[in-house]
Structures are given as C-alpha cells and as structure tokens.
Amino acid sequence: MEATTFARAPMIAITALRVLVGWHFLYEGLSKLTAPSWTAAGYLKQARGPLAEQFRWLTTRPDLLASADLITMWVLTIVGVCLMLGLFTRLASVIGIGFLLMFYLAAPPWIGYFYAIPSEGSYLLVNKNLVELAALVVILLTGSGRFAGLDRILHRLIRRSPRLAAA
C-alpha cells in the first residue's frame, strides 16, 4: 500500500489521532504489566458476545489464560509504542484492530447483554472499543506514520537502498 496523500491539516489531525490512540494502548498495556495480580479472567468470564463460549473456555485453562494475559499486556504496550512513534504504523493498526474486535465481541454493548463489570462509554451498538477500532481503520488507510513518524525514515531508507528495494 502506498501512503495516501492528504493536505497538511488533515494529516496533522490524523497523526494526532494516531498518537492519542497509541497513548491509550500504551497506558492500558503498562497498567496491566505493572499490576502484579492483573488477569483477563474476569473480563473473559463475563463474555456475552458471539465468541462467549470460547472466551469463557479460555478461563478454564490456567496455562492458556496465563498466555492470554501476557499476550494482551505486551501487545497493548507494543502497539501503543509503535502508534505513538509512527513505527510499523499499518501493522500496529491491523493488530490493534484485531484486539479491539476481540474486546468488542467479548462484551458487545447490545440490547439485553448485562455485565457484572460496568462498562464505560457504551451506547446501544457503539462503545469505546468500536470507536477506537474505527480510528485505527482511518490510521491504517492514511499511512500517517509516513507523514510524521519513524515509518517516514524507514520508507526513505528502503527507497534509497537498491538492494533492499529489490527484495
């Protein structure tokens, strides 16, 4: 995919959006990494969406739950850092979209679904996960890392190196 060309002002706004979403991912990851007793078990046990059985089954396997906890903590952190720096922005966006889709499907804000853990920002079909997912789609499609980020430097280095460009 080539970087999309937009006027400067929209790209500044999209870059700011990328940094803000990155901050949220980074904060969520670090808060989980630094909380010694954090686990996704409570979230997964209350799953009500289309994949509820799979999410609840995961909590019955301590080994898989421990792996899911580690993956969640580290992926949130790494995606956050990459988005904030504009490094591997499209890959980070795709991974972030995948995670947010799983979070949305685990606890969708649909009519008739009630959860023991209160959710913030849930409005019928839309919740914060869906809004942030849409923001990541915009970031993915616009290539804001090439506008302002380390992707810009990497892209220039790859373009200048004939050996890397051929690969």
N, C-alpha and C. Protein backbone atom coordinates (compact mmCIF):
# COMPACT_ATOMS: atom_id res chain seq x y z
N MET A 1 0.84 -1.19 0.00
CA MET A 1 0.00 0.00 0.00
C MET A 1 0.87 1.24 0.00
N GLU A 2 0.57 2.16 -0.83
CA GLU A 2 1.28 3.43 -0.83
C GLU A 2 0.62 4.39 0.14
N ALA A 3 1.40 5.34 0.63
CA ALA A 3 0.85 6.34 1.55
C ALA A 3 -0.15 7.21 0.80
N THR A 4 -1.26 7.48 1.43
CA THR A 4 -2.28 8.33 0.84
C THR A 4 -1.84 9.78 1.01
N THR A 5 -2.08 10.59 -0.01
CA THR A 5 -1.70 11.99 0.06
C THR A 5 -2.91 12.84 0.41
N PHE A 6 -2.81 13.51 1.55
CA PHE A 6 -3.84 14.43 2.00
C PHE A 6 -3.19 15.78 2.23
N ALA A 7 -4.01 16.79 2.36
CA ALA A 7 -3.48 18.11 2.70
C ALA A 7 -2.85 18.03 4.09
N ARG A 8 -2.04 19.00 4.39
CA ARG A 8 -1.27 19.02 5.64
C ARG A 8 -2.17 19.00 6.89
N ALA A 9 -3.18 19.82 6.93
CA ALA A 9 -4.03 19.92 8.13
C ALA A 9 -4.73 18.59 8.47
N PRO A 10 -5.35 17.92 7.50
CA PRO A 10 -5.95 16.63 7.84
C PRO A 10 -4.91 15.61 8.31
N MET A 11 -3.72 15.61 7.72
CA MET A 11 -2.69 14.67 8.14
C MET A 11 -2.20 14.97 9.55
N ILE A 12 -2.13 16.24 9.92
CA ILE A 12 -1.76 16.60 11.29
C ILE A 12 -2.83 16.08 12.25
N ALA A 13 -4.10 16.23 11.88
CA ALA A 13 -5.19 15.74 12.73
C ALA A 13 -5.14 14.22 12.85
N ILE A 14 -4.88 13.53 11.76
CA ILE A 14 -4.82 12.07 11.79
C ILE A 14 -3.60 11.60 12.57
N THR A 15 -2.50 12.32 12.45
CA THR A 15 -1.31 11.98 13.23
C THR A 15 -1.58 12.17 14.72
N ALA A 16 -2.26 13.25 15.08
CA ALA A 16 -2.63 13.47 16.48
C ALA A 16 -3.54 12.34 16.96
N LEU A 17 -4.48 11.93 16.12
CA LEU A 17 -5.36 10.81 16.46
C LEU A 17 -4.53 9.54 16.69
N ARG A 18 -3.56 9.29 15.83
CA ARG A 18 -2.70 8.12 15.97
C ARG A 18 -1.94 8.14 17.30
N VAL A 19 -1.42 9.29 17.67
CA VAL A 19 -0.68 9.41 18.92
C VAL A 19 -1.61 9.20 20.12
N LEU A 20 -2.81 9.74 20.05
CA LEU A 20 -3.76 9.58 21.15
C LEU A 20 -4.20 8.12 21.31
N VAL A 21 -4.49 7.46 20.21
CA VAL A 21 -4.86 6.04 20.28
C VAL A 21 -3.66 5.24 20.79
N GLY A 22 -2.48 5.59 20.31
CA GLY A 22 -1.26 4.93 20.79
C GLY A 22 -1.07 5.10 22.28
N TRP A 23 -1.31 6.31 22.78
CA TRP A 23 -1.19 6.56 24.21
C TRP A 23 -2.17 5.67 24.99
N HIS A 24 -3.39 5.55 24.49
CA HIS A 24 -4.38 4.72 25.18
C HIS A 24 -3.93 3.27 25.23
N PHE A 25 -3.45 2.74 24.11
CA PHE A 25 -2.95 1.37 24.08
C PHE A 25 -1.76 1.21 25.03
N LEU A 26 -0.82 2.14 24.97
CA LEU A 26 0.36 2.07 25.82
C LEU A 26 -0.02 2.11 27.29
N TYR A 27 -0.90 3.02 27.65
CA TYR A 27 -1.32 3.15 29.04
C TYR A 27 -2.00 1.86 29.52
N GLU A 28 -2.91 1.33 28.70
CA GLU A 28 -3.59 0.09 29.08
C GLU A 28 -2.59 -1.05 29.24
N GLY A 29 -1.63 -1.15 28.35
CA GLY A 29 -0.63 -2.21 28.44
C GLY A 29 0.24 -2.07 29.67
N LEU A 30 0.76 -0.86 29.90
CA LEU A 30 1.63 -0.65 31.05
C LEU A 30 0.89 -0.81 32.37
N SER A 31 -0.36 -0.38 32.42
CA SER A 31 -1.11 -0.53 33.67
C SER A 31 -1.32 -2.01 33.99
N LYS A 32 -1.45 -2.83 32.97
CA LYS A 32 -1.61 -4.27 33.19
C LYS A 32 -0.26 -4.92 33.52
N LEU A 33 0.79 -4.48 32.86
CA LEU A 33 2.13 -5.03 33.13
C LEU A 33 2.59 -4.72 34.55
N THR A 34 2.22 -3.57 35.07
CA THR A 34 2.70 -3.16 36.39
C THR A 34 1.77 -3.56 37.52
N ALA A 35 0.63 -4.13 37.20
CA ALA A 35 -0.29 -4.62 38.23
C ALA A 35 0.00 -6.11 38.43
N PRO A 36 0.62 -6.48 39.55
CA PRO A 36 1.07 -7.86 39.71
C PRO A 36 -0.05 -8.91 39.65
N SER A 37 -1.24 -8.54 39.99
CA SER A 37 -2.31 -9.54 40.01
C SER A 37 -3.31 -9.39 38.87
N TRP A 38 -2.97 -8.58 37.85
CA TRP A 38 -3.92 -8.39 36.76
C TRP A 38 -4.09 -9.68 35.97
N THR A 39 -5.32 -9.96 35.61
CA THR A 39 -5.64 -11.07 34.72
C THR A 39 -6.89 -10.71 33.92
N ALA A 40 -7.00 -11.26 32.74
CA ALA A 40 -8.18 -11.04 31.90
C ALA A 40 -9.32 -11.96 32.28
N ALA A 41 -9.14 -12.79 33.30
CA ALA A 41 -10.13 -13.81 33.65
C ALA A 41 -11.52 -13.21 33.89
N GLY A 42 -11.60 -12.14 34.67
CA GLY A 42 -12.90 -11.54 34.96
C GLY A 42 -13.61 -11.06 33.70
N TYR A 43 -12.87 -10.41 32.82
CA TYR A 43 -13.42 -9.92 31.56
C TYR A 43 -13.90 -11.08 30.69
N LEU A 44 -13.09 -12.12 30.62
CA LEU A 44 -13.41 -13.27 29.78
C LEU A 44 -14.57 -14.08 30.35
N LYS A 45 -14.64 -14.21 31.67
CA LYS A 45 -15.72 -14.98 32.29
C LYS A 45 -17.09 -14.36 32.06
N GLN A 46 -17.13 -13.03 31.92
CA GLN A 46 -18.42 -12.37 31.74
C GLN A 46 -18.76 -12.16 30.26
N ALA A 47 -17.99 -12.75 29.35
CA ALA A 47 -18.24 -12.59 27.91
C ALA A 47 -19.67 -12.98 27.57
N ARG A 48 -20.29 -12.18 26.70
CA ARG A 48 -21.67 -12.44 26.29
C ARG A 48 -21.84 -12.42 24.76
N GLY A 49 -20.80 -12.09 24.07
CA GLY A 49 -20.91 -11.92 22.62
C GLY A 49 -20.89 -13.24 21.87
N PRO A 50 -20.72 -13.15 20.53
CA PRO A 50 -20.77 -14.34 19.68
C PRO A 50 -19.68 -15.36 19.97
N LEU A 51 -18.58 -14.94 20.56
CA LEU A 51 -17.48 -15.86 20.87
C LEU A 51 -17.39 -16.14 22.37
N ALA A 52 -18.49 -15.94 23.08
CA ALA A 52 -18.51 -16.04 24.55
C ALA A 52 -18.01 -17.39 25.03
N GLU A 53 -18.45 -18.45 24.39
CA GLU A 53 -18.05 -19.79 24.85
C GLU A 53 -16.54 -19.98 24.76
N GLN A 54 -15.95 -19.50 23.67
CA GLN A 54 -14.50 -19.63 23.51
C GLN A 54 -13.76 -18.80 24.56
N PHE A 55 -14.24 -17.59 24.81
CA PHE A 55 -13.59 -16.73 25.80
C PHE A 55 -13.71 -17.33 27.20
N ARG A 56 -14.88 -17.85 27.55
CA ARG A 56 -15.07 -18.46 28.87
C ARG A 56 -14.26 -19.75 29.01
N TRP A 57 -14.18 -20.53 27.93
CA TRP A 57 -13.38 -21.75 27.96
C TRP A 57 -11.91 -21.44 28.27
N LEU A 58 -11.42 -20.34 27.74
CA LEU A 58 -10.04 -19.93 27.97
C LEU A 58 -9.75 -19.79 29.46
N THR A 59 -10.74 -19.36 30.23
CA THR A 59 -10.53 -19.16 31.67
C THR A 59 -10.45 -20.48 32.43
N THR A 60 -10.86 -21.57 31.81
CA THR A 60 -10.80 -22.88 32.47
C THR A 60 -9.43 -23.54 32.31
N ARG A 61 -8.60 -22.94 31.48
CA ARG A 61 -7.25 -23.47 31.23
C ARG A 61 -6.21 -22.48 31.74
N PRO A 62 -5.69 -22.68 32.95
CA PRO A 62 -4.75 -21.73 33.55
C PRO A 62 -3.54 -21.43 32.67
N ASP A 63 -3.04 -22.44 31.97
CA ASP A 63 -1.88 -22.22 31.09
C ASP A 63 -2.23 -21.28 29.94
N LEU A 64 -3.37 -21.50 29.32
CA LEU A 64 -3.79 -20.63 28.21
C LEU A 64 -4.17 -19.23 28.71
N LEU A 65 -4.79 -19.16 29.87
CA LEU A 65 -5.15 -17.85 30.44
C LEU A 65 -3.89 -17.04 30.74
N ALA A 66 -2.88 -17.70 31.30
CA ALA A 66 -1.61 -17.00 31.59
C ALA A 66 -0.98 -16.49 30.29
N SER A 67 -1.04 -17.30 29.24
CA SER A 67 -0.51 -16.86 27.94
C SER A 67 -1.33 -15.70 27.38
N ALA A 68 -2.65 -15.79 27.49
CA ALA A 68 -3.51 -14.70 27.01
C ALA A 68 -3.24 -13.42 27.78
N ASP A 69 -3.00 -13.53 29.08
CA ASP A 69 -2.68 -12.34 29.88
C ASP A 69 -1.38 -11.70 29.39
N LEU A 70 -0.34 -12.51 29.21
CA LEU A 70 0.94 -11.98 28.74
C LEU A 70 0.82 -11.36 27.35
N ILE A 71 0.15 -12.06 26.47
CA ILE A 71 -0.03 -11.55 25.10
C ILE A 71 -0.78 -10.22 25.14
N THR A 72 -1.83 -10.15 25.92
CA THR A 72 -2.62 -8.92 26.00
C THR A 72 -1.77 -7.76 26.51
N MET A 73 -1.05 -7.98 27.61
CA MET A 73 -0.23 -6.91 28.19
C MET A 73 0.82 -6.41 27.21
N TRP A 74 1.54 -7.34 26.61
CA TRP A 74 2.64 -6.94 25.74
C TRP A 74 2.16 -6.40 24.40
N VAL A 75 1.12 -6.98 23.82
CA VAL A 75 0.63 -6.46 22.54
C VAL A 75 0.08 -5.04 22.73
N LEU A 76 -0.69 -4.81 23.78
CA LEU A 76 -1.19 -3.45 24.02
C LEU A 76 -0.03 -2.46 24.15
N THR A 77 0.99 -2.85 24.88
CA THR A 77 2.15 -1.97 25.08
C THR A 77 2.89 -1.72 23.77
N ILE A 78 3.19 -2.77 23.05
CA ILE A 78 3.98 -2.64 21.81
C ILE A 78 3.19 -1.88 20.75
N VAL A 79 1.92 -2.19 20.59
CA VAL A 79 1.09 -1.46 19.62
C VAL A 79 1.05 0.02 20.00
N GLY A 80 0.92 0.31 21.29
CA GLY A 80 0.91 1.70 21.74
C GLY A 80 2.19 2.43 21.39
N VAL A 81 3.32 1.82 21.66
CA VAL A 81 4.62 2.44 21.34
C VAL A 81 4.74 2.66 19.84
N CYS A 82 4.40 1.65 19.06
CA CYS A 82 4.52 1.77 17.59
C CYS A 82 3.61 2.88 17.05
N LEU A 83 2.39 2.96 17.54
CA LEU A 83 1.49 4.02 17.07
C LEU A 83 2.01 5.39 17.46
N MET A 84 2.48 5.53 18.68
CA MET A 84 2.97 6.84 19.12
C MET A 84 4.19 7.28 18.31
N LEU A 85 5.08 6.33 18.00
CA LEU A 85 6.29 6.67 17.25
C LEU A 85 6.07 6.69 15.74
N GLY A 86 4.94 6.19 15.29
CA GLY A 86 4.72 6.09 13.85
C GLY A 86 5.63 5.03 13.25
N LEU A 87 5.86 3.96 13.98
CA LEU A 87 6.74 2.88 13.56
C LEU A 87 5.91 1.64 13.24
N PHE A 88 6.05 1.11 12.04
CA PHE A 88 5.24 -0.02 11.58
C PHE A 88 3.75 0.29 11.84
N THR A 89 3.36 1.49 11.46
CA THR A 89 2.03 2.01 11.78
C THR A 89 0.92 1.12 11.23
N ARG A 90 1.06 0.69 10.02
CA ARG A 90 -0.02 -0.12 9.42
C ARG A 90 -0.12 -1.49 10.11
N LEU A 91 0.99 -2.11 10.39
CA LEU A 91 0.97 -3.39 11.10
C LEU A 91 0.39 -3.21 12.50
N ALA A 92 0.82 -2.18 13.20
CA ALA A 92 0.30 -1.90 14.54
C ALA A 92 -1.21 -1.63 14.48
N SER A 93 -1.66 -0.95 13.45
CA SER A 93 -3.09 -0.67 13.29
C SER A 93 -3.88 -1.96 13.08
N VAL A 94 -3.37 -2.84 12.24
CA VAL A 94 -4.06 -4.11 11.97
C VAL A 94 -4.13 -4.95 13.25
N ILE A 95 -3.05 -5.03 13.98
CA ILE A 95 -3.04 -5.79 15.23
C ILE A 95 -3.98 -5.15 16.24
N GLY A 96 -3.95 -3.82 16.34
CA GLY A 96 -4.86 -3.11 17.24
C GLY A 96 -6.31 -3.33 16.87
N ILE A 97 -6.62 -3.32 15.58
CA ILE A 97 -7.98 -3.58 15.11
C ILE A 97 -8.41 -4.98 15.54
N GLY A 98 -7.53 -5.95 15.38
CA GLY A 98 -7.83 -7.32 15.78
C GLY A 98 -8.13 -7.43 17.27
N PHE A 99 -7.30 -6.77 18.08
CA PHE A 99 -7.53 -6.81 19.52
C PHE A 99 -8.83 -6.13 19.90
N LEU A 100 -9.08 -4.95 19.34
CA LEU A 100 -10.31 -4.23 19.68
C LEU A 100 -11.54 -5.00 19.22
N LEU A 101 -11.43 -5.69 18.10
CA LEU A 101 -12.55 -6.50 17.63
C LEU A 101 -12.83 -7.64 18.62
N MET A 102 -11.77 -8.25 19.13
CA MET A 102 -11.96 -9.30 20.14
C MET A 102 -12.59 -8.73 21.41
N PHE A 103 -12.12 -7.55 21.85
CA PHE A 103 -12.70 -6.93 23.05
C PHE A 103 -14.17 -6.60 22.81
N TYR A 104 -14.47 -6.10 21.62
CA TYR A 104 -15.86 -5.76 21.29
C TYR A 104 -16.73 -7.01 21.28
N LEU A 105 -16.23 -8.08 20.67
CA LEU A 105 -17.02 -9.30 20.58
C LEU A 105 -17.13 -10.04 21.91
N ALA A 106 -16.20 -9.79 22.82
CA ALA A 106 -16.29 -10.39 24.15
C ALA A 106 -17.38 -9.73 24.98
N ALA A 107 -17.51 -8.42 24.84
CA ALA A 107 -18.50 -7.68 25.65
C ALA A 107 -19.19 -6.63 24.79
N PRO A 108 -19.98 -7.05 23.80
CA PRO A 108 -20.65 -6.07 22.94
C PRO A 108 -21.75 -5.32 23.69
N PRO A 109 -21.98 -4.08 23.35
CA PRO A 109 -22.99 -3.27 24.05
C PRO A 109 -24.39 -3.47 23.47
N TRP A 110 -24.75 -4.70 23.20
CA TRP A 110 -26.01 -4.98 22.56
C TRP A 110 -27.15 -5.06 23.56
N ILE A 111 -28.34 -4.81 23.10
CA ILE A 111 -29.53 -4.84 23.95
C ILE A 111 -29.68 -6.23 24.58
N GLY A 112 -29.94 -6.25 25.87
CA GLY A 112 -30.16 -7.49 26.59
C GLY A 112 -28.91 -8.11 27.17
N TYR A 113 -27.73 -7.51 26.91
CA TYR A 113 -26.48 -8.03 27.47
C TYR A 113 -26.16 -7.20 28.71
N PHE A 114 -26.08 -7.85 29.85
CA PHE A 114 -25.75 -7.17 31.09
C PHE A 114 -24.49 -7.79 31.66
N TYR A 115 -23.63 -6.94 32.18
CA TYR A 115 -22.33 -7.39 32.66
C TYR A 115 -22.14 -7.05 34.12
N ALA A 116 -21.41 -7.92 34.83
CA ALA A 116 -21.09 -7.68 36.24
C ALA A 116 -20.12 -6.52 36.36
N ILE A 117 -19.20 -6.42 35.41
CA ILE A 117 -18.22 -5.34 35.42
C ILE A 117 -18.81 -4.18 34.62
N PRO A 118 -18.94 -3.00 35.24
CA PRO A 118 -19.52 -1.88 34.50
C PRO A 118 -18.63 -1.48 33.32
N SER A 119 -19.27 -1.13 32.21
CA SER A 119 -18.50 -0.70 31.05
C SER A 119 -18.68 0.80 30.88
N GLU A 120 -17.63 1.41 30.38
CA GLU A 120 -17.70 2.85 30.16
C GLU A 120 -17.95 3.13 28.69
N GLY A 121 -18.68 4.17 28.41
CA GLY A 121 -18.90 4.59 27.04
C GLY A 121 -19.63 3.58 26.19
N SER A 122 -20.71 3.01 26.67
CA SER A 122 -21.48 2.04 25.91
C SER A 122 -22.83 2.64 25.52
N TYR A 123 -23.08 2.75 24.24
CA TYR A 123 -24.29 3.40 23.74
C TYR A 123 -24.96 2.52 22.69
N LEU A 124 -25.78 1.59 23.15
CA LEU A 124 -26.53 0.69 22.30
C LEU A 124 -25.60 -0.22 21.50
N LEU A 125 -25.21 0.13 20.30
CA LEU A 125 -24.33 -0.70 19.49
C LEU A 125 -22.88 -0.24 19.52
N VAL A 126 -22.67 0.98 19.97
CA VAL A 126 -21.34 1.59 19.90
C VAL A 126 -20.76 1.69 21.31
N ASN A 127 -19.51 1.30 21.44
CA ASN A 127 -18.78 1.54 22.68
C ASN A 127 -17.40 2.07 22.33
N LYS A 128 -16.59 2.34 23.35
CA LYS A 128 -15.27 2.93 23.09
C LYS A 128 -14.40 2.03 22.24
N ASN A 129 -14.56 0.71 22.35
CA ASN A 129 -13.75 -0.19 21.54
C ASN A 129 -14.07 -0.04 20.06
N LEU A 130 -15.33 0.10 19.74
CA LEU A 130 -15.73 0.26 18.34
C LEU A 130 -15.28 1.62 17.79
N VAL A 131 -15.36 2.66 18.60
CA VAL A 131 -14.90 3.99 18.17
C VAL A 131 -13.39 3.97 17.91
N GLU A 132 -12.64 3.36 18.83
CA GLU A 132 -11.19 3.30 18.66
C GLU A 132 -10.82 2.41 17.47
N LEU A 133 -11.58 1.35 17.24
CA LEU A 133 -11.37 0.50 16.08
C LEU A 133 -11.53 1.31 14.80
N ALA A 134 -12.58 2.14 14.73
CA ALA A 134 -12.80 2.99 13.55
C ALA A 134 -11.64 3.97 13.37
N ALA A 135 -11.13 4.50 14.47
CA ALA A 135 -9.98 5.41 14.39
C ALA A 135 -8.76 4.68 13.82
N LEU A 136 -8.56 3.44 14.23
CA LEU A 136 -7.43 2.66 13.70
C LEU A 136 -7.59 2.35 12.21
N VAL A 137 -8.81 2.18 11.76
CA VAL A 137 -9.04 1.98 10.33
C VAL A 137 -8.61 3.22 9.56
N VAL A 138 -8.94 4.40 10.07
CA VAL A 138 -8.51 5.65 9.43
C VAL A 138 -6.99 5.74 9.42
N ILE A 139 -6.37 5.42 10.54
CA ILE A 139 -4.90 5.47 10.64
C ILE A 139 -4.28 4.48 9.66
N LEU A 140 -4.84 3.29 9.58
CA LEU A 140 -4.36 2.26 8.65
C LEU A 140 -4.43 2.75 7.20
N LEU A 141 -5.56 3.31 6.82
CA LEU A 141 -5.77 3.70 5.43
C LEU A 141 -5.03 4.95 5.00
N THR A 142 -4.64 5.78 5.94
CA THR A 142 -3.98 7.03 5.57
C THR A 142 -2.47 6.98 5.65
N GLY A 143 -1.91 6.00 6.31
CA GLY A 143 -0.46 5.91 6.40
C GLY A 143 0.17 7.09 7.11
N SER A 144 -0.40 7.48 8.24
CA SER A 144 0.09 8.67 8.92
C SER A 144 1.51 8.51 9.44
N GLY A 145 1.99 7.29 9.59
CA GLY A 145 3.37 7.08 10.01
C GLY A 145 4.37 7.59 8.99
N ARG A 146 3.98 7.61 7.74
CA ARG A 146 4.86 8.14 6.69
C ARG A 146 4.78 9.66 6.61
N PHE A 147 3.73 10.23 7.17
CA PHE A 147 3.62 11.69 7.21
C PHE A 147 4.49 12.24 8.34
N ALA A 148 4.31 11.69 9.53
CA ALA A 148 5.09 12.12 10.69
C ALA A 148 5.31 10.90 11.57
N GLY A 149 6.47 10.31 11.45
CA GLY A 149 6.78 9.14 12.26
C GLY A 149 8.02 8.45 11.74
N LEU A 150 8.42 7.42 12.44
CA LEU A 150 9.61 6.67 12.04
C LEU A 150 9.40 5.90 10.74
N ASP A 151 8.16 5.63 10.39
CA ASP A 151 7.89 4.99 9.10
C ASP A 151 8.42 5.85 7.95
N ARG A 152 8.37 7.14 8.10
CA ARG A 152 8.87 8.07 7.07
C ARG A 152 10.36 7.84 6.83
N ILE A 153 11.11 7.70 7.93
CA ILE A 153 12.55 7.46 7.83
C ILE A 153 12.82 6.09 7.22
N LEU A 154 12.12 5.07 7.72
CA LEU A 154 12.31 3.71 7.18
C LEU A 154 11.98 3.65 5.69
N HIS A 155 10.89 4.29 5.31
CA HIS A 155 10.47 4.28 3.91
C HIS A 155 11.53 4.94 3.02
N ARG A 156 12.09 6.04 3.49
CA ARG A 156 13.15 6.72 2.72
C ARG A 156 14.40 5.86 2.62
N LEU A 157 14.78 5.20 3.71
CA LEU A 157 15.96 4.34 3.68
C LEU A 157 15.77 3.18 2.72
N ILE A 158 14.61 2.58 2.73
CA ILE A 158 14.33 1.44 1.84
C ILE A 158 14.32 1.90 0.38
N ARG A 159 13.76 3.07 0.12
CA ARG A 159 13.71 3.59 -1.25
C ARG A 159 15.10 3.89 -1.78
N ARG A 160 16.00 4.34 -0.90
CA ARG A 160 17.36 4.70 -1.34
C ARG A 160 18.26 3.49 -1.54
N SER A 161 17.99 2.41 -0.83
CA SER A 161 18.83 1.24 -0.92
C SER A 161 18.34 0.33 -2.05
N PRO A 162 19.08 0.24 -3.16
CA PRO A 162 18.64 -0.58 -4.29
C PRO A 162 18.52 -2.05 -3.91
N ARG A 163 19.40 -2.52 -3.04
CA ARG A 163 19.38 -3.95 -2.64
C ARG A 163 18.10 -4.24 -1.85
N LEU A 164 17.72 -3.36 -0.91
CA LEU A 164 16.52 -3.56 -0.12
C LEU A 164 15.25 -3.38 -0.97
N ALA A 165 15.29 -2.43 -1.89
CA ALA A 165 14.13 -2.18 -2.74
C ALA A 165 13.85 -3.38 -3.64
N ALA A 166 14.93 -4.06 -4.10
CA ALA A 166 14.77 -5.22 -4.97
C ALA A 166 14.16 -6.40 -4.21
N ALA A 167 14.48 -6.47 -2.94
CA ALA A 167 13.94 -7.57 -2.12
C ALA A 167 12.48 -7.34 -1.89
